[in-house]
Amino acid sequence: MSEQGKRLAFSQVAPPKPRGPSPDMVALINVLAEQAAAINRLAQSNEALVQAMAQDGEMGDDLPPTVGLNGRSL
C-alpha cells in the first residue's frame, strides 16, 4: 500500500486529533479575560464607593424627587 493510501485509510478509521483553539480564538479569550478583570475592578470600586456614601448618609434619600420635562416625577 502506498504512503498516500495508508494516510487515507488511517484518516478514515482514526478520529481527527483535537487541534486546540486557533491563535485568533486565544487572542479573543485573552481580551475578554482582561475586560472581565477590568469590569470586576470597577464593580469593586463602585461597591466601595456605595458603602462609603451609605456611611456618610449621602445616598440621595434626602433629595427631592427628580422631575421630568413633563413635570411628572421620574
N, C-alpha and C. Protein backbone atom coordinates (compact mmCIF):
# COMPACT_ATOMS: atom_id res chain seq x y z
N MET A 1 0.85 -1.17 0.00
CA MET A 1 0.00 0.00 0.00
C MET A 1 0.90 1.24 0.00
N SER A 2 0.54 2.21 -0.79
CA SER A 2 1.34 3.43 -0.88
C SER A 2 1.17 4.27 0.39
N GLU A 3 2.07 5.23 0.54
CA GLU A 3 2.00 6.13 1.71
C GLU A 3 0.70 6.91 1.71
N GLN A 4 0.30 7.37 0.55
CA GLN A 4 -0.95 8.11 0.43
C GLN A 4 -2.13 7.22 0.79
N GLY A 5 -2.09 5.99 0.35
CA GLY A 5 -3.16 5.04 0.67
C GLY A 5 -3.23 4.76 2.16
N LYS A 6 -2.06 4.66 2.82
CA LYS A 6 -2.04 4.44 4.27
C LYS A 6 -2.65 5.64 5.00
N ARG A 7 -2.27 6.84 4.57
CA ARG A 7 -2.83 8.04 5.22
C ARG A 7 -4.34 8.10 5.04
N LEU A 8 -4.79 7.78 3.85
CA LEU A 8 -6.22 7.81 3.57
C LEU A 8 -6.95 6.79 4.43
N ALA A 9 -6.42 5.58 4.50
CA ALA A 9 -7.05 4.53 5.30
C ALA A 9 -7.05 4.92 6.77
N PHE A 10 -5.94 5.45 7.26
CA PHE A 10 -5.85 5.83 8.66
C PHE A 10 -6.82 6.98 8.98
N SER A 11 -6.93 7.95 8.06
CA SER A 11 -7.81 9.09 8.31
C SER A 11 -9.27 8.67 8.34
N GLN A 12 -9.60 7.58 7.64
CA GLN A 12 -10.97 7.11 7.64
C GLN A 12 -11.30 6.33 8.91
N VAL A 13 -10.28 5.80 9.59
CA VAL A 13 -10.50 4.99 10.79
C VAL A 13 -10.33 5.82 12.06
N ALA A 14 -9.28 6.58 12.12
CA ALA A 14 -8.95 7.32 13.34
C ALA A 14 -9.71 8.64 13.38
N PRO A 15 -10.17 9.01 14.56
CA PRO A 15 -10.82 10.33 14.67
C PRO A 15 -9.76 11.42 14.54
N PRO A 16 -10.15 12.58 14.07
CA PRO A 16 -9.18 13.66 13.93
C PRO A 16 -8.66 14.09 15.31
N LYS A 17 -7.39 14.46 15.35
CA LYS A 17 -6.79 14.91 16.60
C LYS A 17 -7.30 16.32 16.91
N PRO A 18 -7.61 16.55 18.16
CA PRO A 18 -8.02 17.92 18.51
C PRO A 18 -6.84 18.87 18.34
N ARG A 19 -7.11 19.99 17.75
CA ARG A 19 -6.04 20.94 17.44
C ARG A 19 -5.94 22.05 18.47
N GLY A 20 -6.92 22.21 19.30
CA GLY A 20 -6.91 23.32 20.25
C GLY A 20 -7.42 24.58 19.59
N PRO A 21 -7.56 25.62 20.37
CA PRO A 21 -8.09 26.87 19.82
C PRO A 21 -7.10 27.54 18.87
N SER A 22 -7.64 28.23 17.90
CA SER A 22 -6.81 28.95 16.94
C SER A 22 -6.15 30.15 17.63
N PRO A 23 -5.10 30.70 17.05
CA PRO A 23 -4.46 31.88 17.65
C PRO A 23 -5.42 33.06 17.81
N ASP A 24 -6.33 33.22 16.85
CA ASP A 24 -7.31 34.30 16.96
C ASP A 24 -8.24 34.07 18.15
N MET A 25 -8.63 32.81 18.35
CA MET A 25 -9.50 32.50 19.48
C MET A 25 -8.78 32.72 20.80
N VAL A 26 -7.51 32.37 20.86
CA VAL A 26 -6.71 32.60 22.08
C VAL A 26 -6.62 34.10 22.36
N ALA A 27 -6.39 34.89 21.32
CA ALA A 27 -6.31 36.35 21.49
C ALA A 27 -7.65 36.90 21.99
N LEU A 28 -8.75 36.40 21.43
CA LEU A 28 -10.08 36.85 21.86
C LEU A 28 -10.33 36.48 23.31
N ILE A 29 -9.96 35.28 23.70
CA ILE A 29 -10.14 34.84 25.09
C ILE A 29 -9.33 35.73 26.02
N ASN A 30 -8.11 36.07 25.63
CA ASN A 30 -7.27 36.94 26.46
C ASN A 30 -7.87 38.33 26.60
N VAL A 31 -8.38 38.88 25.51
CA VAL A 31 -9.00 40.21 25.57
C VAL A 31 -10.24 40.17 26.46
N LEU A 32 -11.05 39.14 26.31
CA LEU A 32 -12.25 39.03 27.14
C LEU A 32 -11.89 38.87 28.62
N ALA A 33 -10.83 38.14 28.91
CA ALA A 33 -10.39 37.98 30.30
C ALA A 33 -9.92 39.31 30.87
N GLU A 34 -9.20 40.10 30.07
CA GLU A 34 -8.76 41.42 30.53
C GLU A 34 -9.95 42.34 30.78
N GLN A 35 -10.93 42.30 29.89
CA GLN A 35 -12.11 43.13 30.06
C GLN A 35 -12.91 42.71 31.29
N ALA A 36 -13.04 41.41 31.50
CA ALA A 36 -13.75 40.92 32.68
C ALA A 36 -13.04 41.36 33.96
N ALA A 37 -11.72 41.32 33.96
CA ALA A 37 -10.96 41.76 35.13
C ALA A 37 -11.18 43.25 35.38
N ALA A 38 -11.19 44.04 34.31
CA ALA A 38 -11.41 45.49 34.46
C ALA A 38 -12.82 45.76 34.99
N ILE A 39 -13.80 45.03 34.49
CA ILE A 39 -15.18 45.20 34.96
C ILE A 39 -15.28 44.82 36.44
N ASN A 40 -14.61 43.76 36.84
CA ASN A 40 -14.63 43.35 38.25
C ASN A 40 -13.98 44.41 39.14
N ARG A 41 -12.87 44.99 38.67
CA ARG A 41 -12.23 46.06 39.45
C ARG A 41 -13.16 47.26 39.59
N LEU A 42 -13.83 47.61 38.50
CA LEU A 42 -14.77 48.74 38.53
C LEU A 42 -15.93 48.44 39.47
N ALA A 43 -16.45 47.23 39.43
CA ALA A 43 -17.56 46.85 40.31
C ALA A 43 -17.14 46.92 41.77
N GLN A 44 -15.93 46.47 42.07
CA GLN A 44 -15.44 46.53 43.45
C GLN A 44 -15.26 47.98 43.89
N SER A 45 -14.76 48.82 43.00
CA SER A 45 -14.58 50.23 43.30
C SER A 45 -15.94 50.89 43.55
N ASN A 46 -16.91 50.58 42.71
CA ASN A 46 -18.25 51.15 42.87
C ASN A 46 -18.88 50.68 44.18
N GLU A 47 -18.68 49.42 44.51
CA GLU A 47 -19.23 48.89 45.76
C GLU A 47 -18.62 49.61 46.95
N ALA A 48 -17.30 49.85 46.90
CA ALA A 48 -16.64 50.58 47.99
C ALA A 48 -17.18 52.00 48.08
N LEU A 49 -17.42 52.64 46.94
CA LEU A 49 -17.96 53.99 46.93
C LEU A 49 -19.38 54.02 47.51
N VAL A 50 -20.20 53.06 47.14
CA VAL A 50 -21.57 52.99 47.66
C VAL A 50 -21.54 52.78 49.17
N GLN A 51 -20.66 51.91 49.63
CA GLN A 51 -20.55 51.68 51.07
C GLN A 51 -20.15 52.96 51.80
N ALA A 52 -19.18 53.69 51.24
CA ALA A 52 -18.73 54.94 51.87
C ALA A 52 -19.84 55.97 51.87
N MET A 53 -20.58 56.06 50.77
CA MET A 53 -21.68 57.02 50.69
C MET A 53 -22.78 56.65 51.68
N ALA A 54 -23.04 55.38 51.85
CA ALA A 54 -24.07 54.94 52.79
C ALA A 54 -23.68 55.30 54.21
N GLN A 55 -22.40 55.18 54.53
CA GLN A 55 -21.94 55.52 55.87
C GLN A 55 -22.01 57.03 56.11
N ASP A 56 -21.80 57.81 55.07
CA ASP A 56 -21.84 59.27 55.20
C ASP A 56 -23.26 59.82 55.09
N GLY A 57 -24.22 58.97 54.73
CA GLY A 57 -25.59 59.42 54.56
C GLY A 57 -25.79 60.21 53.29
N GLU A 58 -24.99 59.95 52.27
CA GLU A 58 -25.07 60.69 51.01
C GLU A 58 -25.69 59.86 49.89
N MET A 59 -26.66 59.06 50.21
CA MET A 59 -27.25 58.18 49.20
C MET A 59 -28.31 58.88 48.36
N GLY A 60 -28.64 60.12 48.68
CA GLY A 60 -29.63 60.84 47.89
C GLY A 60 -31.05 60.66 48.40
N ASP A 61 -31.21 59.98 49.53
CA ASP A 61 -32.55 59.77 50.07
C ASP A 61 -33.19 61.08 50.53
N ASP A 62 -32.36 62.07 50.84
CA ASP A 62 -32.87 63.33 51.34
C ASP A 62 -33.15 64.34 50.22
N LEU A 63 -32.93 63.96 48.98
CA LEU A 63 -33.14 64.86 47.85
C LEU A 63 -34.60 64.80 47.39
N PRO A 64 -35.11 65.91 46.83
CA PRO A 64 -36.47 65.86 46.30
C PRO A 64 -36.51 64.95 45.07
N PRO A 65 -37.70 64.43 44.74
CA PRO A 65 -37.79 63.55 43.57
C PRO A 65 -37.40 64.29 42.28
N THR A 66 -36.79 63.58 41.38
CA THR A 66 -36.40 64.16 40.10
C THR A 66 -37.64 64.33 39.24
N VAL A 67 -37.75 65.50 38.61
CA VAL A 67 -38.91 65.81 37.80
C VAL A 67 -38.50 65.81 36.33
N GLY A 68 -39.31 65.16 35.51
CA GLY A 68 -39.03 65.09 34.08
C GLY A 68 -39.52 66.33 33.36
N LEU A 69 -39.36 66.36 32.05
CA LEU A 69 -39.75 67.52 31.24
C LEU A 69 -41.24 67.78 31.27
N ASN A 70 -42.03 66.73 31.51
CA ASN A 70 -43.48 66.89 31.53
C ASN A 70 -43.99 67.27 32.92
N GLY A 71 -43.09 67.51 33.87
CA GLY A 71 -43.48 67.92 35.21
C GLY A 71 -43.79 66.76 36.14
N ARG A 72 -43.77 65.56 35.63
CA ARG A 72 -44.05 64.39 36.46
C ARG A 72 -42.73 63.83 36.99
N SER A 73 -42.80 63.20 38.15
CA SER A 73 -41.58 62.63 38.73
C SER A 73 -41.13 61.43 37.91
N LEU A 74 -39.82 61.26 37.84
CA LEU A 74 -39.27 60.13 37.11
C LEU A 74 -39.36 58.94 37.99
